Structure formats: structure tokens, C-alpha cells
Protein backbone atom coordinates (compact mmCIF):
# COMPACT_ATOMS: atom_id res chain seq x y z
CA MET A 1 45.34 -83.19 -21.08
CA SER A 2 48.74 -82.97 -19.50
CA TYR A 3 49.94 -79.86 -17.73
CA GLU A 4 53.50 -81.04 -17.19
CA LEU A 5 56.32 -78.98 -18.62
CA PRO A 6 58.52 -80.78 -21.16
CA LEU A 7 61.84 -81.29 -19.36
CA ASP A 8 63.51 -82.35 -22.60
CA LYS A 9 63.14 -78.74 -23.84
CA ALA A 10 64.43 -77.17 -20.61
CA ILE A 11 67.94 -75.96 -19.93
CA LYS A 12 69.36 -77.03 -16.59
CA ARG A 13 71.07 -74.13 -14.85
CA THR A 14 72.94 -73.65 -11.62
CA GLY A 15 72.18 -70.65 -9.42
CA LYS A 16 74.57 -68.36 -7.61
CA PHE A 17 74.61 -70.50 -4.46
CA GLY A 18 74.78 -73.87 -6.20
CA HIS A 19 71.07 -74.72 -6.46
CA GLN A 20 69.91 -76.16 -9.76
CA TYR A 21 66.79 -75.19 -11.67
CA PHE A 22 65.23 -75.64 -15.09
CA TRP A 23 64.97 -72.75 -17.53
CA PHE A 24 62.20 -73.16 -20.12
CA PRO A 25 62.17 -71.34 -23.45
CA ASP A 26 59.56 -68.64 -24.01
CA PRO A 27 56.23 -69.91 -25.36
CA GLN A 28 55.30 -69.31 -28.96
CA THR A 29 53.76 -65.96 -29.75
CA HIS A 30 50.12 -65.62 -30.74
CA GLU A 31 49.48 -65.96 -34.43
CA ASN A 32 45.73 -65.24 -34.50
CA GLN A 33 46.03 -61.48 -34.93
CA THR A 34 44.49 -61.15 -38.40
CA ASN A 35 41.19 -59.28 -38.67
CA ARG A 36 41.17 -58.28 -35.00
CA PRO A 37 39.84 -54.85 -34.13
CA ALA A 38 42.57 -52.37 -33.25
CA VAL A 39 40.36 -50.57 -30.73
CA TYR A 40 37.98 -52.03 -28.17
CA PRO A 41 34.39 -50.74 -28.22
CA THR A 42 33.51 -47.91 -25.88
CA SER A 43 29.86 -47.52 -26.80
CA GLY A 44 27.09 -50.08 -26.53
CA LEU A 45 28.48 -51.46 -23.28
CA ASP A 46 26.30 -52.09 -20.23
CA LYS A 47 27.22 -53.00 -16.66
CA TYR A 48 27.19 -56.73 -16.05
CA LYS A 49 25.24 -57.37 -12.83
CA ALA A 50 24.73 -61.15 -12.78
CA ALA A 51 26.75 -64.05 -11.30
CA GLY A 52 30.29 -63.14 -10.32
CA SER A 53 29.77 -59.45 -10.99
CA ASN A 54 32.07 -56.92 -9.37
CA GLY A 55 29.64 -54.11 -10.16
CA SER A 56 31.93 -52.29 -12.55
CA ALA A 57 32.52 -54.67 -15.49
CA LYS A 58 31.11 -53.35 -18.75
CA LEU A 59 30.24 -55.83 -21.50
CA LEU A 60 28.23 -55.96 -24.67
CA SER A 61 24.69 -56.78 -23.61
CA SER A 62 24.45 -59.38 -26.39
CA ILE A 63 26.83 -61.69 -24.47
CA PHE A 64 25.30 -61.37 -20.98
CA THR A 65 23.63 -64.80 -21.19
CA GLN A 66 26.84 -66.59 -22.16
CA VAL A 67 28.91 -64.74 -19.55
CA ASN A 68 26.33 -65.52 -16.87
CA GLN A 69 26.47 -69.24 -17.77
CA LEU A 70 30.26 -69.21 -17.64
CA MET A 71 30.46 -67.34 -14.34
CA THR A 72 27.79 -69.54 -12.76
CA GLU A 73 29.76 -72.68 -13.70
CA LEU A 74 33.02 -71.19 -12.44
CA LEU A 75 31.47 -70.25 -9.11
CA ASP A 76 29.84 -73.67 -8.70
């Protein structure tokens, strides 16, 4: 995977004091908005107290195992 920005899509500009920089177009907007809930849940949330917890994050308890695996890997 490459994280380089495509210079062929950039616009070369000159600043006020003569320095040059590249201006990249805005990224594409998200298109995966169909069937998404309009409101986030407020009930059924429990405090997440495992790896990487800040003591105040509230999540659905059904995803605690997956979040704990993710946070453990990130911290390692």
C-alpha cells in the first residue's frame, strides 16, 4: 500500500513570499450512507473498562471482545 500523494493531480501554487507548494483537490465524499441509523444509541451502552480504556467510553457490550482485541493490538 502506498501512502504517497499523487503529484500529477496536484496544483502547484506560489505563496505570498515566493515559496512554492502543492495544492491537492478535496478527497471524494463518502458514498456509504444508505441504511445508516440517523441517531446513535443512547440505551444499552456500558462503560468499556478493558485495554486502552479512558474510563468514560460507552460502547455496546456485545462488541467489548472485539474492541479489547483491537485496543490490545494497538497498544502492543
